[in-house]
Amino acid sequence: MSKDRLSIDPTVGELHAEAQDAGAETVWERYEAQQPQCGFGELGICCRNCFMGPCRIDPFGEGADKGICGATAGTIAARNFIRMVAGGAAAHSDHGRDVATVFLAAAKGEAPGYEIKDEGKLHQVAAQAGIEVEGRDNKDIAIELGELALSQFGQQEGEVIFTNMAPESVRARWRREGIMPRGIDREIVEIMHRTHIGVDADPENILRQGSRAALGDGWGGSMIATELQDILFGTPRPVTAEINLGVLKAENVNVVVHGHEPALSEMIVVAANDPEMLKLAKEQGAKGITLAGMCCTANEILMRHGIPVAGNFLQQELALATGVLDAMIVDVQCIMPGLTDVKDCFHTRLITTSPKAKIPRATHIQFDEHHALETAKEIVKTAVLNYKNRRSPANVPTDKT
């Protein structure tokens, strides 16, 4: 693929060339190797939901127009689509579940290092959820809110509580269309049931359940994550910061956090600024520690701390090609398994932290919210001690905004 077609960002072409020279395979090489991509898959008209298949529908009308079970193209496409909805809703909502778990532990005093940072938001969200706040201790309010948030995942009947933040006219439409979410996990499980062989075959009805699961995530899991993160880590305010791979510094230990969960990244921010860690970095020959974000978790530490953003989803492998990234710390979602192939060509330590997201040949240091700062320091120390193992010339782009 020509350099001009890689990205509008000039740093991409520059670092892609470095990766190629080092023998690293990146997302662009893997994309080219997949060409031409499957047309049946692109149209959503292949089905492997049972062992009579896999089946595929001929889009030109010259072959099979139904699967072996009799499912039409519309049924197969609708089933495939809402299974993707189920996957996305499960991922985002499970992130919300983890946030609620940390939030409740912090409220009970079981997670040292975490505390309620926005009491006004705590009162606002609790009142919205129907919790009495007047004259009550913040700890008791937070515990009740955390327990209520976690209950939304297993709720079987009624309506997900935070849908009450939507306008009544909108909620009336959701009820009329039969897509008001009853519980976060329930709607995801029902998608898997409906799309199993021999269950729902009406494309319109199938898509309704997809909408209900999506609303269960948006107004359930994702809303819980957003609101509780603000209470726990502080509601963001406008900040000025820098972005792009040029934020990395050749003379410093460079650490990038990548993924989705701010419970981890918030503590990495603290650990990277710890005097003990900064002293150790200087002992290794570095001038200091540069912390940057990548992809979604970058936004969390950008908007709360002004931490620079090293890049987006497609730039994650290229950060390693700078030759100065000492550790990439990942948790869940948006992590390319191909990072291990790239890190083998450089010196970067790829550190996984979640039991839900291990990657072969990566270093695993499991993050524990009950010992959050200790774990974060261990992770940052691993990056600092790797500084002396750099083997590639520094190739940090000058581009940043």
Protein backbone atom coordinates (compact mmCIF):
# COMPACT_ATOMS: atom_id res chain seq x y z
CA MET A 1 0.00 0.00 0.00
CA SER A 2 1.42 3.41 -0.96
CA LYS A 3 2.48 5.81 1.79
CA ASP A 4 -0.11 8.36 0.61
CA ARG A 5 -3.01 5.93 1.14
CA LEU A 6 -2.17 4.99 4.72
CA SER A 7 -3.53 8.09 6.47
CA ILE A 8 -3.95 11.83 6.16
CA ASP A 9 -1.58 12.06 9.16
CA PRO A 10 2.06 12.32 7.97
CA THR A 11 3.40 10.55 11.08
CA VAL A 12 1.69 7.35 9.96
CA GLY A 13 3.62 6.98 6.72
CA GLU A 14 6.90 7.80 8.44
CA LEU A 15 6.51 5.28 11.24
CA HIS A 16 4.97 2.64 9.00
CA ALA A 17 8.21 2.68 7.01
CA GLU A 18 10.15 2.21 10.27
CA ALA A 19 7.97 -0.75 11.19
CA GLN A 20 8.50 -2.32 7.76
CA ASP A 21 12.28 -1.83 8.00
CA ALA A 22 12.21 -3.63 11.35
CA GLY A 23 10.24 -6.52 9.83
CA ALA A 24 7.06 -5.76 11.77
CA GLU A 25 3.69 -6.66 10.26
CA THR A 26 1.03 -4.01 10.92
CA VAL A 27 -2.69 -3.56 10.38
CA TRP A 28 -2.07 -2.34 6.82
CA GLU A 29 -0.20 -5.48 5.74
CA ARG A 30 -2.88 -7.67 7.32
CA TYR A 31 -5.57 -5.68 5.51
CA GLU A 32 -3.87 -6.17 2.15
CA ALA A 33 -3.54 -9.89 2.85
CA GLN A 34 -7.32 -10.13 3.31
CA GLN A 35 -8.15 -8.71 -0.14
CA PRO A 36 -10.60 -9.32 -1.64
CA GLN A 37 -12.68 -9.45 1.51
CA CYS A 38 -15.66 -11.80 1.62
CA GLY A 39 -18.61 -10.28 -0.24
CA PHE A 40 -21.10 -12.56 1.51
CA GLY A 41 -19.80 -11.43 4.88
CA GLU A 42 -19.84 -7.78 3.84
CA LEU A 43 -23.52 -8.05 2.96
CA GLY A 44 -24.30 -10.03 6.11
CA ILE A 45 -25.81 -12.92 4.14
CA CYS A 46 -23.71 -15.80 5.39
CA CYS A 47 -24.86 -17.78 8.43
CA ARG A 48 -23.04 -20.22 10.70
CA ASN A 49 -25.39 -20.12 13.68
CA CYS A 50 -25.91 -23.90 13.53
CA PHE A 51 -24.05 -26.98 12.30
CA MET A 52 -26.24 -27.55 9.24
CA GLY A 53 -24.35 -24.59 7.77
CA PRO A 54 -22.44 -22.50 7.07
CA CYS A 55 -25.02 -21.16 4.61
CA ARG A 56 -24.85 -18.24 2.20
CA ILE A 57 -27.41 -16.43 0.06
CA ASP A 58 -26.57 -15.60 -3.55
CA PRO A 59 -26.99 -11.80 -3.86
CA PHE A 60 -27.42 -12.11 -7.64
CA GLY A 61 -30.39 -14.47 -7.49
CA GLU A 62 -28.63 -17.26 -9.36
CA GLY A 63 -28.09 -19.64 -6.43
CA ALA A 64 -29.59 -20.37 -3.02
CA ASP A 65 -32.12 -17.82 -1.83
CA LYS A 66 -32.58 -19.42 1.61
CA GLY A 67 -30.41 -21.12 4.20
CA ILE A 68 -30.79 -24.85 4.87
CA CYS A 69 -33.29 -24.10 7.66
CA GLY A 70 -35.27 -21.81 5.33
CA ALA A 71 -33.98 -18.49 6.72
CA THR A 72 -34.15 -15.73 4.11
CA ALA A 73 -31.47 -13.14 3.35
CA GLY A 74 -33.36 -10.60 5.49
CA THR A 75 -33.55 -12.99 8.44
CA ILE A 76 -29.87 -13.93 8.20
CA ALA A 77 -28.71 -10.31 7.84
CA ALA A 78 -30.88 -9.16 10.76
CA ARG A 79 -29.64 -11.99 12.97
CA ASN A 80 -26.00 -11.26 12.11
CA PHE A 81 -26.48 -7.56 12.74
CA ILE A 82 -28.05 -7.86 16.18
CA ARG A 83 -25.44 -10.42 17.24
CA MET A 84 -22.92 -7.66 16.57
CA VAL A 85 -25.13 -5.35 18.64
CA ALA A 86 -25.05 -7.93 21.44
CA GLY A 87 -21.25 -8.05 21.32
CA GLY A 88 -20.90 -4.27 21.43
CA ALA A 89 -23.54 -3.82 24.12
CA ALA A 90 -21.93 -6.55 26.22
CA ALA A 91 -18.49 -4.95 25.95
CA HIS A 92 -19.59 -1.42 26.80
CA SER A 93 -21.99 -2.53 29.53
CA ASP A 94 -19.43 -4.82 31.11
CA HIS A 95 -17.14 -1.80 31.31
CA GLY A 96 -19.97 -0.08 33.22
CA ARG A 97 -20.26 -3.10 35.51
CA ASP A 98 -16.56 -2.88 36.36
CA VAL A 99 -16.87 0.85 37.06
CA ALA A 100 -19.85 0.21 39.34
CA THR A 101 -17.90 -2.52 41.16
CA VAL A 102 -14.96 -0.17 41.80
CA PHE A 103 -17.37 2.62 42.75
CA LEU A 104 -19.13 0.46 45.34
CA ALA A 105 -15.83 -0.78 46.76
CA ALA A 106 -14.63 2.83 47.07
CA ALA A 107 -17.87 3.86 48.75
CA LYS A 108 -17.41 1.07 51.32
CA GLY A 109 -13.77 2.04 51.91
CA GLU A 110 -12.52 -1.23 50.41
CA ALA A 111 -10.53 0.30 47.53
CA PRO A 112 -7.73 2.53 48.91
CA GLY A 113 -6.71 5.29 46.51
CA TYR A 114 -10.21 5.92 45.19
CA GLU A 115 -12.57 8.51 46.64
CA ILE A 116 -15.67 10.51 45.72
CA LYS A 117 -14.33 13.58 43.91
CA ASP A 118 -17.57 15.22 42.78
CA GLU A 119 -20.10 15.30 45.61
CA GLY A 120 -22.45 17.55 43.63
CA LYS A 121 -22.62 14.99 40.84
CA LEU A 122 -23.16 12.22 43.40
CA HIS A 123 -26.25 14.02 44.77
CA GLN A 124 -27.51 14.85 41.28
CA VAL A 125 -27.24 11.29 39.93
CA ALA A 126 -28.60 9.71 43.11
CA ALA A 127 -31.65 12.01 43.07
CA GLN A 128 -32.20 11.19 39.37
CA ALA A 129 -32.21 7.51 40.32
CA GLY A 130 -34.82 8.10 43.03
CA ILE A 131 -32.42 7.90 46.00
CA GLU A 132 -33.06 10.16 48.98
CA VAL A 133 -30.09 12.51 49.50
CA GLU A 134 -31.33 15.16 51.94
CA GLY A 135 -29.57 14.94 55.31
CA ARG A 136 -27.75 11.72 54.44
CA ASP A 137 -24.06 10.89 54.62
CA ASN A 138 -22.27 10.78 51.24
CA LYS A 139 -20.95 7.31 52.01
CA ASP A 140 -24.47 5.92 52.50
CA ILE A 141 -25.72 7.66 49.33
CA ALA A 142 -22.80 6.29 47.31
CA ILE A 143 -23.29 2.73 48.60
CA GLU A 144 -26.99 2.80 47.72
CA LEU A 145 -26.22 4.25 44.27
CA GLY A 146 -23.53 1.64 43.60
CA GLU A 147 -25.85 -1.20 44.62
CA LEU A 148 -28.66 0.21 42.46
CA ALA A 149 -26.31 0.53 39.48
CA LEU A 150 -25.18 -3.09 39.77
CA SER A 151 -28.78 -4.27 40.13
CA GLN A 152 -29.58 -2.91 36.65
CA PHE A 153 -27.51 -5.64 35.02
CA GLY A 154 -29.54 -8.52 36.41
CA GLN A 155 -32.93 -6.75 36.48
CA GLN A 156 -35.60 -8.88 34.80
CA GLU A 157 -38.66 -6.63 34.70
CA GLY A 158 -39.52 -2.93 34.68
CA GLU A 159 -37.33 -0.32 33.01
CA VAL A 160 -33.62 0.40 33.25
CA ILE A 161 -33.51 3.22 35.80
CA PHE A 162 -31.49 5.81 33.88
CA THR A 163 -33.92 5.78 30.94
CA ASN A 164 -35.80 8.30 33.12
CA MET A 165 -33.19 10.85 31.98
CA ALA A 166 -34.64 10.75 28.45
CA PRO A 167 -37.59 13.01 27.51
CA GLU A 168 -40.98 11.48 28.34
CA SER A 169 -42.07 11.70 24.69
CA VAL A 170 -39.07 9.58 23.69
CA ARG A 171 -39.72 7.03 26.44
CA ALA A 172 -43.34 6.80 25.35
CA ARG A 173 -42.15 5.95 21.83
CA TRP A 174 -39.81 3.26 23.16
CA ARG A 175 -42.67 1.69 25.11
CA ARG A 176 -44.99 1.88 22.11
CA GLU A 177 -42.45 0.13 19.90
CA GLY A 178 -41.68 -2.49 22.56
CA ILE A 179 -38.00 -1.56 22.82
CA MET A 180 -37.79 -0.15 26.35
CA PRO A 181 -34.92 -2.10 28.01
CA ARG A 182 -35.91 -4.14 31.05
CA GLY A 183 -32.42 -5.06 32.24
CA ILE A 184 -28.96 -4.73 30.69
CA ASP A 185 -27.89 -8.39 30.63
CA ARG A 186 -31.41 -9.66 29.91
CA GLU A 187 -31.60 -7.91 26.53
CA ILE A 188 -28.16 -9.19 25.46
CA VAL A 189 -29.05 -12.78 26.40
CA GLU A 190 -32.39 -12.48 24.60
CA ILE A 191 -30.56 -11.51 21.40
CA MET A 192 -28.55 -14.73 21.58
CA HIS A 193 -31.75 -16.72 22.19
CA ARG A 194 -33.74 -15.09 19.38
CA THR A 195 -30.96 -15.54 16.83
CA HIS A 196 -30.42 -19.22 17.59
CA ILE A 197 -31.66 -21.69 14.95
CA GLY A 198 -35.41 -22.04 14.85
CA VAL A 199 -36.33 -19.01 16.94
CA ASP A 200 -37.05 -15.48 15.63
CA ALA A 201 -37.26 -15.32 11.82
CA ASP A 202 -39.01 -11.95 11.36
CA PRO A 203 -36.33 -9.38 10.41
CA GLU A 204 -38.36 -6.47 11.78
CA ASN A 205 -38.97 -8.20 15.09
CA ILE A 206 -35.31 -9.22 15.28
CA LEU A 207 -34.18 -5.63 14.79
CA ARG A 208 -36.54 -4.43 17.53
CA GLN A 209 -34.69 -6.61 20.02
CA GLY A 210 -31.40 -5.20 18.73
CA SER A 211 -32.72 -1.72 19.45
CA ARG A 212 -33.80 -2.74 22.95
CA ALA A 213 -30.35 -4.17 23.76
CA ALA A 214 -28.68 -1.05 22.35
CA LEU A 215 -30.83 1.18 24.56
CA GLY A 216 -30.04 -1.08 27.52
CA ASP A 217 -26.38 -0.33 26.92
CA GLY A 218 -26.68 3.36 26.08
CA TRP A 219 -29.03 4.24 28.94
CA GLY A 220 -27.84 1.42 31.19
CA GLY A 221 -24.27 0.15 31.08
CA SER A 222 -22.68 3.09 29.28
CA MET A 223 -24.67 5.66 31.26
CA ILE A 224 -23.68 3.98 34.53
CA ALA A 225 -20.01 4.10 33.48
CA THR A 226 -20.19 7.77 32.47
CA GLU A 227 -21.99 9.01 35.55
CA LEU A 228 -20.09 6.98 38.14
CA GLN A 229 -16.71 7.80 36.56
CA ASP A 230 -17.49 11.51 36.91
CA ILE A 231 -18.42 11.06 40.56
CA LEU A 232 -15.36 8.93 41.32
CA PHE A 233 -12.69 10.64 39.22
CA GLY A 234 -14.13 14.14 38.83
CA THR A 235 -16.36 15.72 36.20
CA PRO A 236 -14.18 16.88 33.28
CA ARG A 237 -13.59 20.54 32.48
CA PRO A 238 -12.13 22.04 29.29
CA VAL A 239 -8.35 21.59 29.14
CA THR A 240 -5.56 22.25 26.64
CA ALA A 241 -3.28 19.35 25.74
CA GLU A 242 -1.18 17.94 22.90
CA ILE A 243 -2.01 15.10 20.53
CA ASN A 244 -0.20 12.78 18.11
CA LEU A 245 2.86 10.57 18.33
CA GLY A 246 5.12 13.60 18.63
CA VAL A 247 4.16 13.82 22.32
CA LEU A 248 6.59 11.00 23.12
CA LYS A 249 10.05 12.11 24.29
CA ALA A 250 13.26 10.29 23.39
CA GLU A 251 15.03 11.35 26.60
CA ASN A 252 12.22 10.11 28.88
CA VAL A 253 10.75 6.79 29.89
CA ASN A 254 7.60 6.64 27.73
CA VAL A 255 4.47 4.87 28.91
CA VAL A 256 1.20 4.62 26.95
CA VAL A 257 -2.10 3.51 28.47
CA HIS A 258 -4.48 1.97 25.96
CA GLY A 259 -7.96 0.56 26.39
CA HIS A 260 -11.11 1.72 28.13
CA GLU A 261 -11.06 1.51 31.91
CA PRO A 262 -10.19 4.68 33.86
CA ALA A 263 -9.92 2.77 37.15
CA LEU A 264 -6.57 1.59 35.79
CA SER A 265 -5.44 4.72 33.96
CA GLU A 266 -6.25 7.04 36.89
CA MET A 267 -3.85 5.08 39.08
CA ILE A 268 -1.19 4.94 36.36
CA VAL A 269 -1.31 8.77 36.30
CA VAL A 270 -0.61 8.81 40.05
CA ALA A 271 2.15 6.19 39.80
CA ALA A 272 3.89 7.92 36.87
CA ASN A 273 4.15 11.10 38.95
CA ASP A 274 5.30 9.35 42.11
CA PRO A 275 8.68 10.73 43.35
CA GLU A 276 9.94 7.18 43.84
CA MET A 277 9.25 6.30 40.20
CA LEU A 278 10.73 9.57 38.92
CA LYS A 279 13.90 8.95 40.97
CA LEU A 280 14.17 5.43 39.56
CA ALA A 281 13.78 6.75 36.00
CA LYS A 282 16.70 9.15 36.51
CA GLU A 283 18.78 6.34 37.94
CA GLN A 284 18.17 4.44 34.69
CA GLY A 285 19.48 7.41 32.69
CA ALA A 286 16.19 9.01 31.70
CA LYS A 287 15.26 12.62 32.38
CA GLY A 288 11.75 11.77 33.52
CA ILE A 289 8.56 9.86 32.68
CA THR A 290 6.21 10.76 29.85
CA LEU A 291 2.71 9.31 30.13
CA ALA A 292 0.37 9.40 27.14
CA GLY A 293 -2.97 7.87 26.23
CA MET A 294 -3.98 5.84 23.20
CA CYS A 295 -7.45 5.44 21.73
CA CYS A 296 -10.42 5.57 24.14
CA THR A 297 -8.77 5.55 27.55
CA ALA A 298 -6.70 8.49 26.27
CA ASN A 299 -9.81 10.63 26.45
CA GLU A 300 -10.36 9.78 30.12
CA ILE A 301 -6.95 11.03 31.25
CA LEU A 302 -6.92 13.86 28.70
CA MET A 303 -10.15 15.45 29.91
CA ARG A 304 -9.40 15.02 33.61
CA HIS A 305 -5.63 15.60 33.74
CA GLY A 306 -4.56 17.13 30.44
CA ILE A 307 -2.40 14.05 29.69
CA PRO A 308 -1.40 14.07 25.99
CA VAL A 309 -2.91 11.68 23.44
CA ALA A 310 -0.37 9.63 21.50
CA GLY A 311 -2.79 8.52 18.81
CA ASN A 312 -5.88 6.65 17.72
CA PHE A 313 -6.85 3.03 17.11
CA LEU A 314 -4.85 2.76 13.87
CA GLN A 315 -1.72 4.29 15.41
CA GLN A 316 -1.32 1.83 18.29
CA GLU A 317 1.24 -0.36 16.51
CA LEU A 318 3.13 2.67 15.19
CA ALA A 319 3.76 3.97 18.71
CA LEU A 320 6.10 0.99 19.16
CA ALA A 321 7.92 1.86 15.93
CA THR A 322 9.16 5.12 17.48
CA GLY A 323 11.74 3.01 19.30
CA VAL A 324 11.15 4.96 22.52
CA LEU A 325 7.98 3.41 23.90
CA ASP A 326 9.06 1.48 26.99
CA ALA A 327 5.66 0.05 27.88
CA MET A 328 2.16 -0.06 26.49
CA ILE A 329 -0.33 -0.84 29.24
CA VAL A 330 -3.64 -2.27 28.04
CA ASP A 331 -6.88 -3.36 29.65
CA VAL A 332 -9.97 -4.15 27.53
CA GLN A 333 -11.37 -3.29 24.09
CA CYS A 334 -9.68 -1.94 20.95
CA ILE A 335 -6.41 -3.78 21.68
CA MET A 336 -4.93 -5.34 18.51
CA PRO A 337 -3.45 -8.79 19.21
CA GLY A 338 -0.97 -7.93 16.44
CA LEU A 339 0.81 -5.66 18.93
CA THR A 340 2.82 -8.68 20.09
CA ASP A 341 4.26 -9.18 16.59
CA VAL A 342 5.31 -5.53 16.48
CA LYS A 343 6.76 -5.45 20.01
CA ASP A 344 8.95 -8.44 19.13
CA CYS A 345 10.72 -6.18 16.61
CA PHE A 346 11.34 -3.43 19.19
CA HIS A 347 11.95 -3.33 22.95
CA THR A 348 8.48 -2.29 24.17
CA ARG A 349 6.88 -4.26 26.98
CA LEU A 350 3.22 -4.98 26.24
CA ILE A 351 1.50 -5.31 29.63
CA THR A 352 -1.99 -6.77 29.91
CA THR A 353 -3.91 -6.06 33.12
CA SER A 354 -7.37 -7.63 32.82
CA PRO A 355 -8.29 -11.31 33.30
CA LYS A 356 -10.77 -10.77 30.44
CA ALA A 357 -8.11 -9.71 27.95
CA LYS A 358 -4.88 -11.70 27.94
CA ILE A 359 -2.65 -11.74 24.85
CA PRO A 360 -0.08 -14.47 24.12
CA ARG A 361 3.54 -13.30 24.60
CA ALA A 362 2.50 -10.20 26.54
CA THR A 363 3.48 -9.59 30.17
CA HIS A 364 0.46 -9.97 32.46
CA ILE A 365 0.25 -7.90 35.64
CA GLN A 366 -3.30 -8.21 36.90
CA PHE A 367 -4.84 -4.98 38.10
CA ASP A 368 -6.57 -5.20 41.47
CA GLU A 369 -8.69 -2.23 42.53
CA HIS A 370 -8.24 -3.23 46.18
CA HIS A 371 -4.47 -2.65 45.81
CA ALA A 372 -4.69 -0.20 42.93
CA LEU A 373 -1.74 2.09 43.58
CA GLU A 374 0.62 -0.75 44.45
CA THR A 375 -0.28 -2.53 41.20
CA ALA A 376 0.05 0.69 39.19
CA LYS A 377 3.54 1.30 40.64
CA GLU A 378 4.60 -2.24 39.76
CA ILE A 379 3.43 -1.67 36.19
CA VAL A 380 5.19 1.70 35.84
CA LYS A 381 8.36 0.26 37.41
CA THR A 382 8.38 -2.44 34.71
CA ALA A 383 8.37 0.32 32.09
CA VAL A 384 11.13 2.29 33.83
CA LEU A 385 13.43 -0.72 34.11
CA ASN A 386 12.90 -1.43 30.40
CA TYR A 387 14.34 1.98 29.41
CA LYS A 388 17.88 0.59 29.25
CA ASN A 389 16.80 -2.13 26.80
CA ARG A 390 16.13 0.25 23.90
CA ARG A 391 17.74 -1.13 20.76
CA SER A 392 16.31 0.97 17.92
CA PRO A 393 17.32 4.54 17.09
CA ALA A 394 14.75 7.06 18.33
CA ASN A 395 12.32 8.01 15.59
CA VAL A 396 9.83 10.25 17.33
CA PRO A 397 7.86 12.32 14.79
CA THR A 398 7.88 16.08 15.19
CA ASP A 399 4.16 16.33 14.39
CA LYS A 400 1.86 17.16 17.27
CA THR A 401 -1.05 19.56 17.69
